[in-house]
C-alpha atoms as a PDB file:
ATOM      1  CA  MET A   1       0.000   0.000   0.000  1.00  0.00           C
ATOM      2  CA  ASN A   2       1.282   3.458  -0.872  1.00  0.00           C
ATOM      3  CA  ALA A   3      -0.410   5.319   1.960  1.00  0.00           C
ATOM      4  CA  ILE A   4      -1.607   4.508   5.423  1.00  0.00           C
ATOM      5  CA  ALA A   5      -5.270   3.582   5.576  1.00  0.00           C
ATOM      6  CA  LEU A   6      -7.565   1.708   7.890  1.00  0.00           C
ATOM      7  CA  ILE A   7     -10.748  -0.249   7.396  1.00  0.00           C
ATOM      8  CA  ARG A   8     -13.657   0.458   9.690  1.00  0.00           C
ATOM      9  CA  ARG A   9     -17.413   0.080   9.816  1.00  0.00           C
ATOM     10  CA  ARG A  10     -19.551   2.691   8.115  1.00  0.00           C
ATOM     11  CA  ARG A  11     -20.789   5.569  10.266  1.00  0.00           C
ATOM     12  CA  PRO A  12     -24.018   6.684   8.559  1.00  0.00           C
ATOM     13  CA  ARG A  13     -24.068  10.271   9.816  1.00  0.00           C
ATOM     14  CA  THR A  14     -20.582  11.103   8.616  1.00  0.00           C
ATOM     15  CA  ASP A  15     -19.976   8.586   5.805  1.00  0.00           C
ATOM     16  CA  ASP A  16     -23.194   8.247   3.830  1.00  0.00           C
ATOM     17  CA  LYS A  17     -22.922  11.481   1.862  1.00  0.00           C
ATOM     18  CA  GLU A  18     -19.545  10.430   0.397  1.00  0.00           C
ATOM     19  CA  ILE A  19     -20.574   6.777  -0.055  1.00  0.00           C
ATOM     20  CA  ILE A  20     -23.680   7.835  -1.984  1.00  0.00           C
ATOM     21  CA  ARG A  21     -21.583  10.244  -4.057  1.00  0.00           C
ATOM     22  CA  LEU A  22     -19.215   7.371  -4.931  1.00  0.00           C
ATOM     23  CA  ILE A  23     -22.180   5.186  -5.880  1.00  0.00           C
ATOM     24  CA  ARG A  24     -23.590   7.920  -8.129  1.00  0.00           C
ATOM     25  CA  THR A  25     -20.301   8.833  -9.799  1.00  0.00           C
ATOM     26  CA  GLU A  26     -18.356   5.556  -9.874  1.00  0.00           C
ATOM     27  CA  LEU A  27     -20.870   2.684  -9.859  1.00  0.00           C
ATOM     28  CA  MET A  28     -24.118   3.880 -11.415  1.00  0.00           C
ATOM     29  CA  PRO A  29     -22.515   5.057 -14.682  1.00  0.00           C
ATOM     30  CA  LEU A  30     -21.315   1.455 -15.206  1.00  0.00           C
ATOM     31  CA  SER A  31     -24.747  -0.030 -14.487  1.00  0.00           C
ATOM     32  CA  HIS A  32     -27.202  -0.981 -17.202  1.00  0.00           C
ATOM     33  CA  THR A  33     -30.119  -0.950 -14.738  1.00  0.00           C
ATOM     34  CA  ALA A  34     -29.518   2.143 -12.562  1.00  0.00           C
ATOM     35  CA  ASN A  35     -29.329   5.786 -13.566  1.00  0.00           C
ATOM     36  CA  PRO A  36     -27.481   8.357 -11.401  1.00  0.00           C
ATOM     37  CA  LYS A  37     -30.328  10.812 -12.061  1.00  0.00           C
ATOM     38  CA  ASP A  38     -33.048   8.411 -10.849  1.00  0.00           C
ATOM     39  CA  THR A  39     -34.210  10.144  -7.659  1.00  0.00           C
ATOM     40  CA  GLN A  40     -36.115   7.076  -6.407  1.00  0.00           C
ATOM     41  CA  THR A  41     -32.990   4.901  -6.598  1.00  0.00           C
ATOM     42  CA  ILE A  42     -30.900   7.591  -4.889  1.00  0.00           C
ATOM     43  CA  ARG A  43     -33.493   7.963  -2.099  1.00  0.00           C
ATOM     44  CA  GLU A  44     -33.376   4.189  -1.474  1.00  0.00           C
ATOM     45  CA  LEU A  45     -29.592   4.004  -1.084  1.00  0.00           C
ATOM     46  CA  PRO A  46     -29.480   4.775   2.688  1.00  0.00           C
ATOM     47  CA  LYS A  47     -31.993   1.954   3.284  1.00  0.00           C
ATOM     48  CA  ARG A  48     -29.931  -0.398   1.135  1.00  0.00           C
ATOM     49  CA  LEU A  49     -26.822   0.497   3.135  1.00  0.00           C
ATOM     50  CA  ARG A  50     -28.672  -0.162   6.415  1.00  0.00           C
ATOM     51  CA  GLU A  51     -29.693  -3.649   5.263  1.00  0.00           C
ATOM     52  CA  GLY A  52     -26.158  -4.952   4.955  1.00  0.00           C
ATOM     53  CA  VAL A  53     -22.705  -4.319   6.333  1.00  0.00           C
ATOM     54  CA  THR A  54     -20.513  -1.568   4.926  1.00  0.00           C
ATOM     55  CA  PHE A  55     -16.780  -1.334   5.464  1.00  0.00           C
ATOM     56  CA  VAL A  56     -15.035   1.949   4.722  1.00  0.00           C
ATOM     57  CA  ILE A  57     -11.383   2.624   3.989  1.00  0.00           C
ATOM     58  CA  SER A  58     -10.101   5.967   5.276  1.00  0.00           C
ATOM     59  CA  HIS A  59      -6.917   7.604   6.546  1.00  0.00           C
ATOM     60  CA  LYS A  60      -8.213   7.940  10.115  1.00  0.00           C
ATOM     61  CA  LYS A  61     -11.179   6.728  12.159  1.00  0.00           C
ATOM     62  CA  THR A  62     -12.958  10.018  11.659  1.00  0.00           C
ATOM     63  CA  SER A  63     -11.853  10.956   8.147  1.00  0.00           C
ATOM     64  CA  MET A  64     -13.911  10.823   4.979  1.00  0.00           C
ATOM     65  CA  PRO A  65     -14.261   7.472   3.179  1.00  0.00           C
ATOM     66  CA  LEU A  66     -11.818   6.940   0.323  1.00  0.00           C
ATOM     67  CA  GLY A  67     -13.655   3.791  -0.677  1.00  0.00           C
ATOM     68  CA  PHE A  68     -16.193   1.316   0.626  1.00  0.00           C
ATOM     69  CA  LEU A  69     -17.452  -2.251   0.390  1.00  0.00           C
ATOM     70  CA  HIS A  70     -21.093  -3.146   0.994  1.00  0.00           C
ATOM     71  CA  LEU A  71     -22.131  -6.764   1.515  1.00  0.00           C
ATOM     72  CA  TYR A  72     -24.807  -9.064   2.877  1.00  0.00           C
ATOM     73  CA  ILE A  73     -24.790 -12.515   4.391  1.00  0.00           C
ATOM     74  CA  ILE A  74     -27.558 -14.691   2.999  1.00  0.00           C
ATOM     75  CA  GLY A  75     -27.506 -18.090   4.693  1.00  0.00           C
ATOM     76  CA  ASP A  76     -23.976 -19.362   4.136  1.00  0.00           C
ATOM     77  CA  ILE A  77     -23.327 -17.047   1.170  1.00  0.00           C
ATOM     78  CA  LEU A  78     -21.324 -13.841   1.385  1.00  0.00           C
ATOM     79  CA  GLN A  79     -23.021 -11.540  -1.135  1.00  0.00           C
ATOM     80  CA  TYR A  80     -20.802  -8.669  -2.233  1.00  0.00           C
ATOM     81  CA  ASP A  81     -23.078  -5.805  -3.257  1.00  0.00           C
ATOM     82  CA  MET A  82     -20.987  -2.719  -4.032  1.00  0.00           C
ATOM     83  CA  LEU A  83     -17.289  -1.844  -4.094  1.00  0.00           C
ATOM     84  CA  ALA A  84     -15.920   1.575  -5.004  1.00  0.00           C
ATOM     85  CA  VAL A  85     -12.677   3.457  -4.448  1.00  0.00           C
ATOM     86  CA  HIS A  86     -12.345   7.170  -5.138  1.00  0.00           C
ATOM     87  CA  PRO A  87     -10.500   7.702  -8.463  1.00  0.00           C
ATOM     88  CA  ASP A  88      -7.753   9.737  -6.743  1.00  0.00           C
ATOM     89  CA  HIS A  89      -6.960   6.741  -4.527  1.00  0.00           C
ATOM     90  CA  ARG A  90      -6.930   3.890  -7.019  1.00  0.00           C
ATOM     91  CA  GLY A  91      -3.809   1.847  -7.640  1.00  0.00           C
ATOM     92  CA  LYS A  92      -3.116   1.505  -3.916  1.00  0.00           C
ATOM     93  CA  GLN A  93      -4.659  -1.987  -3.660  1.00  0.00           C
ATOM     94  CA  TRP A  94      -7.467  -0.644  -1.476  1.00  0.00           C
ATOM     95  CA  GLY A  95     -10.194  -2.417  -3.420  1.00  0.00           C
ATOM     96  CA  ARG A  96      -8.290  -5.657  -2.937  1.00  0.00           C
ATOM     97  CA  LEU A  97      -7.864  -4.876   0.770  1.00  0.00           C
ATOM     98  CA  LEU A  98     -11.590  -4.194   1.191  1.00  0.00           C
ATOM     99  CA  MET A  99     -12.452  -7.453  -0.603  1.00  0.00           C
ATOM    100  CA  SER A 100     -10.052  -9.375   1.641  1.00  0.00           C
ATOM    101  CA  HIS A 101     -11.628  -7.776   4.710  1.00  0.00           C
ATOM    102  CA  GLY A 102     -15.087  -8.733   3.440  1.00  0.00           C
ATOM    103  CA  GLU A 103     -13.954 -12.298   2.830  1.00  0.00           C
ATOM    104  CA  ALA A 104     -12.577 -12.565   6.381  1.00  0.00           C
ATOM    105  CA  TYR A 105     -15.899 -11.218   7.659  1.00  0.00           C
ATOM    106  CA  GLY A 106     -17.755 -13.862   5.639  1.00  0.00           C
ATOM    107  CA  ARG A 107     -15.544 -16.664   6.932  1.00  0.00           C
ATOM    108  CA  SER A 108     -16.029 -15.489  10.520  1.00  0.00           C
ATOM    109  CA  ASN A 109     -19.780 -15.757   9.880  1.00  0.00           C
ATOM    110  CA  ASN A 110     -19.463 -19.325   8.533  1.00  0.00           C
ATOM    111  CA  CYS A 111     -19.964 -18.458   4.867  1.00  0.00           C
ATOM    112  CA  THR A 112     -18.892 -21.227   2.496  1.00  0.00           C
ATOM    113  CA  ALA A 113     -18.970 -19.176  -0.710  1.00  0.00           C
ATOM    114  CA  ALA A 114     -18.869 -15.581  -1.895  1.00  0.00           C
ATOM    115  CA  ARG A 115     -20.931 -14.246  -4.783  1.00  0.00           C
ATOM    116  CA  LEU A 116     -21.037 -10.983  -6.699  1.00  0.00           C
ATOM    117  CA  PHE A 117     -22.375  -9.503  -9.905  1.00  0.00           C
ATOM    118  CA  VAL A 118     -20.309  -7.486 -12.386  1.00  0.00           C
ATOM    119  CA  ASP A 119     -21.838  -5.233 -15.010  1.00  0.00           C
ATOM    120  CA  GLU A 120     -21.090  -6.079 -18.617  1.00  0.00           C
ATOM    121  CA  GLY A 121     -18.371  -3.702 -19.782  1.00  0.00           C
ATOM    122  CA  ASN A 122     -16.760  -3.297 -16.349  1.00  0.00           C
ATOM    123  CA  ASP A 123     -13.695  -5.217 -17.484  1.00  0.00           C
ATOM    124  CA  LYS A 124     -11.415  -3.775 -14.788  1.00  0.00           C
ATOM    125  CA  ALA A 125     -13.624  -5.136 -12.018  1.00  0.00           C
ATOM    126  CA  HIS A 126     -14.069  -8.456 -13.817  1.00  0.00           C
ATOM    127  CA  ARG A 127     -10.266  -8.863 -14.030  1.00  0.00           C
ATOM    128  CA  LEU A 128      -9.811  -7.924 -10.362  1.00  0.00           C
ATOM    129  CA  TYR A 129     -12.362 -10.472  -9.198  1.00  0.00           C
ATOM    130  CA  ARG A 130     -10.792 -13.215 -11.336  1.00  0.00           C
ATOM    131  CA  LYS A 131      -7.407 -12.414  -9.762  1.00  0.00           C
ATOM    132  CA  LEU A 132      -9.062 -12.726  -6.350  1.00  0.00           C
ATOM    133  CA  GLY A 133     -10.225 -16.256  -7.185  1.00  0.00           C
ATOM    134  CA  PHE A 134     -13.766 -15.653  -8.450  1.00  0.00           C
ATOM    135  CA  ALA A 135     -15.056 -17.633 -11.422  1.00  0.00           C
ATOM    136  CA  THR A 136     -17.782 -16.463 -13.787  1.00  0.00           C
ATOM    137  CA  VAL A 137     -20.687 -18.898 -13.513  1.00  0.00           C
ATOM    138  CA  ARG A 138     -23.421 -17.229 -15.559  1.00  0.00           C
ATOM    139  CA  TYR A 139     -24.418 -14.230 -17.617  1.00  0.00           C
ATOM    140  CA  TYR A 140     -27.808 -12.536 -17.124  1.00  0.00           C
ATOM    141  CA  ALA A 141     -28.701 -10.885 -20.429  1.00  0.00           C
ATOM    142  CA  GLN A 142     -31.764  -9.086 -19.005  1.00  0.00           C
ATOM    143  CA  ILE A 143     -29.615  -7.079 -16.572  1.00  0.00           C
ATOM    144  CA  ARG A 144     -26.340  -7.341 -18.540  1.00  0.00           C
ATOM    145  CA  CYS A 145     -24.409  -8.718 -15.556  1.00  0.00           C
ATOM    146  CA  TYR A 146     -22.067 -11.605 -14.893  1.00  0.00           C
ATOM    147  CA  GLU A 147     -22.444 -13.678 -11.733  1.00  0.00           C
ATOM    148  CA  MET A 148     -19.143 -14.669 -10.159  1.00  0.00           C
ATOM    149  CA  VAL A 149     -18.584 -17.129  -7.304  1.00  0.00           C
ATOM    150  CA  LYS A 150     -15.709 -18.137  -5.061  1.00  0.00           C
ATOM    151  CA  ARG A 151     -15.527 -20.965  -2.527  1.00  0.00           C
ATOM    152  CA  LEU A 152     -14.443 -19.848   0.932  1.00  0.00           C
ATOM    153  CA  ASN A 153     -12.263 -21.953   3.182  1.00  0.00           C
ATOM    154  CA  SER A 154     -13.210 -22.259   6.839  1.00  0.00           C
ATOM    155  CA  ALA A 155     -12.011 -19.603   9.261  1.00  0.00           C
ATOM    156  CA  THR A 156      -8.935 -20.746  11.129  1.00  0.00           C
END
């Protein structure tokens, strides 16, 4: 890592504005099903964040998020939902670090597999997830997304 950073849990009052900005500017433009100008979708984001676990990467405990990972646990499946790192902070392996943190969280909650969806055309993310051990298992033409899965070893 090029700079010192820590991973912590999301603090809604101080983090959500930046997390939602990252979703609107970094994730939604890559999506074939969500539009950054869709006010209904934007209004629902805080609820979506409340329904899962969000880890934030930042310089200090109280500083602004530089990136985040949102996930759910569904039975024994770790479901990665959203990952974004601010463009000024890419290339520091922080996305990889967040994914590793999420995987450890899943293992500690007895998850046996991790799953995620990647938008068609998001080749950078697709390559990252393959490097992290995910395999593409299916393509959903109706939402233009690839489903990727990875087996998780037991927590030790």
